[in-house]
């Protein structure tokens, strides 16, 4: 910063040598007077994050389905093995759903244990059906 000058007098003779050095600094503080902008920025960021998450999930499902259509799957005992476990063909899902409903209809419901009030009907406990298993073979 600054400059080094060699001034000349009226006869253009060099008489002196001048050094001028200037030092300075600047500090700036900004704060919003209205919080609406911050709230809007957060809403936009949350929406952008949701969009990015949706894009990630859709691409993941698409690529897993492509792998399964080509006859491939992720190898067991790898860190990414569970990545495609929730991608199930519709035919397999419908078949498992029908089998679960049939089994549910075959099971008998048992009366709930505990104190029963005489004016209430008996309450029964029925097992909930499981629809889809977590295996990635199709």
Protein backbone atom coordinates (compact mmCIF):
# COMPACT_ATOMS: atom_id res chain seq x y z
CA UNK A 1 0.00 0.00 0.00
CA UNK A 2 1.13 3.51 -0.62
CA UNK A 3 3.58 4.84 -3.12
CA UNK A 4 7.15 5.94 -3.44
CA UNK A 5 7.56 9.24 -5.26
CA UNK A 6 10.48 11.31 -6.36
CA UNK A 7 9.22 14.90 -6.62
CA UNK A 8 10.79 17.47 -8.91
CA UNK A 9 11.04 21.19 -8.30
CA UNK A 10 10.36 23.98 -10.79
CA UNK A 11 13.75 23.42 -12.56
CA UNK A 12 12.95 19.71 -12.83
CA UNK A 13 15.81 18.89 -10.46
CA UNK A 14 15.45 15.93 -8.19
CA UNK A 15 15.82 17.21 -4.65
CA UNK A 16 13.96 14.82 -2.28
CA UNK A 17 12.51 11.35 -2.01
CA UNK A 18 9.05 10.84 -0.47
CA UNK A 19 7.47 7.65 0.84
CA UNK A 20 3.72 7.69 1.48
CA UNK A 21 2.16 4.57 3.02
CA UNK A 22 -1.51 4.39 3.90
CA UNK A 23 -3.02 1.64 6.05
CA UNK A 24 -6.69 0.99 6.77
CA UNK A 25 -9.35 -1.56 7.46
CA UNK A 26 -13.07 -2.00 7.23
CA UNK A 27 -15.65 -3.88 9.26
CA UNK A 28 -19.22 -4.34 8.10
CA UNK A 29 -22.21 -5.68 10.03
CA UNK A 30 -25.52 -6.54 8.37
CA UNK A 31 -28.68 -7.72 10.01
CA UNK A 32 -32.18 -7.91 8.55
CA UNK A 33 -34.80 -5.65 10.03
CA UNK A 34 -37.58 -7.85 8.67
CA UNK A 35 -37.63 -11.60 9.39
CA UNK A 36 -39.93 -12.43 6.48
CA UNK A 37 -36.98 -12.82 4.14
CA UNK A 38 -35.30 -15.33 6.45
CA UNK A 39 -38.53 -17.32 6.82
CA UNK A 40 -39.02 -17.36 3.06
CA UNK A 41 -35.42 -18.47 2.54
CA UNK A 42 -35.93 -21.35 4.97
CA UNK A 43 -39.17 -22.40 3.24
CA UNK A 44 -37.45 -22.38 -0.14
CA UNK A 45 -34.52 -24.39 1.26
CA UNK A 46 -36.88 -26.98 2.80
CA UNK A 47 -38.77 -27.32 -0.48
CA UNK A 48 -35.50 -27.68 -2.40
CA UNK A 49 -34.35 -30.35 0.05
CA UNK A 50 -37.63 -32.26 -0.37
CA UNK A 51 -37.27 -32.06 -4.16
CA UNK A 52 -33.70 -33.36 -4.01
CA UNK A 53 -34.77 -36.23 -1.73
CA UNK A 54 -37.62 -37.15 -4.09
CA UNK A 55 -35.25 -37.06 -7.08
CA UNK A 56 -32.81 -39.31 -5.21
CA UNK A 57 -35.50 -41.85 -4.31
CA UNK A 58 -36.98 -41.93 -7.81
CA UNK A 59 -33.58 -42.45 -9.44
CA UNK A 60 -32.73 -45.15 -6.88
CA UNK A 61 -35.97 -47.04 -7.56
CA UNK A 62 -35.57 -46.63 -11.31
CA UNK A 63 -32.01 -47.99 -11.31
CA UNK A 64 -32.93 -50.88 -8.98
CA UNK A 65 -35.84 -51.82 -11.26
CA UNK A 66 -33.53 -51.70 -14.28
CA UNK A 67 -31.08 -54.01 -12.50
CA UNK A 68 -33.87 -56.46 -11.64
CA UNK A 69 -35.24 -56.39 -15.20
CA UNK A 70 -31.80 -57.27 -16.52
CA UNK A 71 -31.58 -60.16 -14.05
CA UNK A 72 -29.09 -58.64 -11.63
CA UNK A 73 -29.20 -57.88 -7.92
CA UNK A 74 -26.87 -56.35 -5.37
CA UNK A 75 -24.61 -58.87 -3.65
CA UNK A 76 -25.38 -59.90 -0.10
CA UNK A 77 -22.98 -58.87 2.68
CA UNK A 78 -22.21 -55.57 0.97
CA UNK A 79 -22.96 -52.16 2.36
CA UNK A 80 -25.43 -51.37 -0.45
CA UNK A 81 -27.30 -54.70 -0.37
CA UNK A 82 -30.32 -53.20 1.40
CA UNK A 83 -30.58 -50.33 -1.11
CA UNK A 84 -32.94 -52.23 -3.42
CA UNK A 85 -34.83 -54.33 -0.84
CA UNK A 86 -37.93 -52.16 -1.02
CA UNK A 87 -38.23 -52.33 -4.83
CA UNK A 88 -40.76 -55.09 -5.51
CA UNK A 89 -42.52 -55.94 -8.79
CA UNK A 90 -46.29 -55.34 -8.73
CA UNK A 91 -47.02 -58.98 -9.65
CA UNK A 92 -45.06 -60.24 -6.64
CA UNK A 93 -46.72 -57.67 -4.37
CA UNK A 94 -50.23 -58.65 -5.48
CA UNK A 95 -49.45 -62.37 -5.05
CA UNK A 96 -48.11 -61.85 -1.52
CA UNK A 97 -51.04 -59.61 -0.66
CA UNK A 98 -53.57 -62.26 -1.73
CA UNK A 99 -51.68 -64.97 0.18
CA UNK A 100 -51.60 -62.81 3.32
CA UNK A 101 -55.33 -62.08 3.10
CA UNK A 102 -56.11 -65.79 2.67
CA UNK A 103 -53.98 -66.66 5.69
CA UNK A 104 -55.57 -63.86 7.70
CA UNK A 105 -59.03 -65.19 6.94
CA UNK A 106 -57.96 -68.71 8.02
CA UNK A 107 -56.61 -67.60 11.40
CA UNK A 108 -58.98 -67.46 14.29
CA UNK A 109 -59.26 -64.41 16.41
CA UNK A 110 -58.83 -64.89 20.14
CA UNK A 111 -60.79 -63.01 22.79
CA UNK A 112 -58.85 -60.23 24.49
CA UNK A 113 -57.72 -61.02 27.98
CA UNK A 114 -58.53 -58.78 30.86
CA UNK A 115 -61.60 -57.47 32.60
CA UNK A 116 -64.72 -57.31 30.43
CA UNK A 117 -67.63 -55.10 31.24
CA UNK A 118 -70.97 -56.97 31.07
CA UNK A 119 -72.71 -54.42 28.88
CA UNK A 120 -69.95 -54.43 26.23
CA UNK A 121 -69.51 -57.01 23.51
CA UNK A 122 -66.52 -59.31 23.61
CA UNK A 123 -63.44 -57.82 22.00
CA UNK A 124 -61.26 -60.02 19.83
CA UNK A 125 -57.59 -59.83 18.97
CA UNK A 126 -56.63 -60.83 15.42
CA UNK A 127 -53.05 -61.09 14.13
CA UNK A 128 -52.10 -58.52 11.51
CA UNK A 129 -51.05 -59.91 8.12
CA UNK A 130 -47.58 -59.23 6.75
CA UNK A 131 -47.66 -58.28 3.09
CA UNK A 132 -44.10 -58.06 1.81
CA UNK A 133 -40.92 -59.80 2.91
CA UNK A 134 -37.55 -58.06 2.73
CA UNK A 135 -35.80 -60.26 0.21
CA UNK A 136 -34.59 -58.82 -3.07
CA UNK A 137 -35.07 -61.98 -5.19
CA UNK A 138 -37.96 -61.81 -7.61
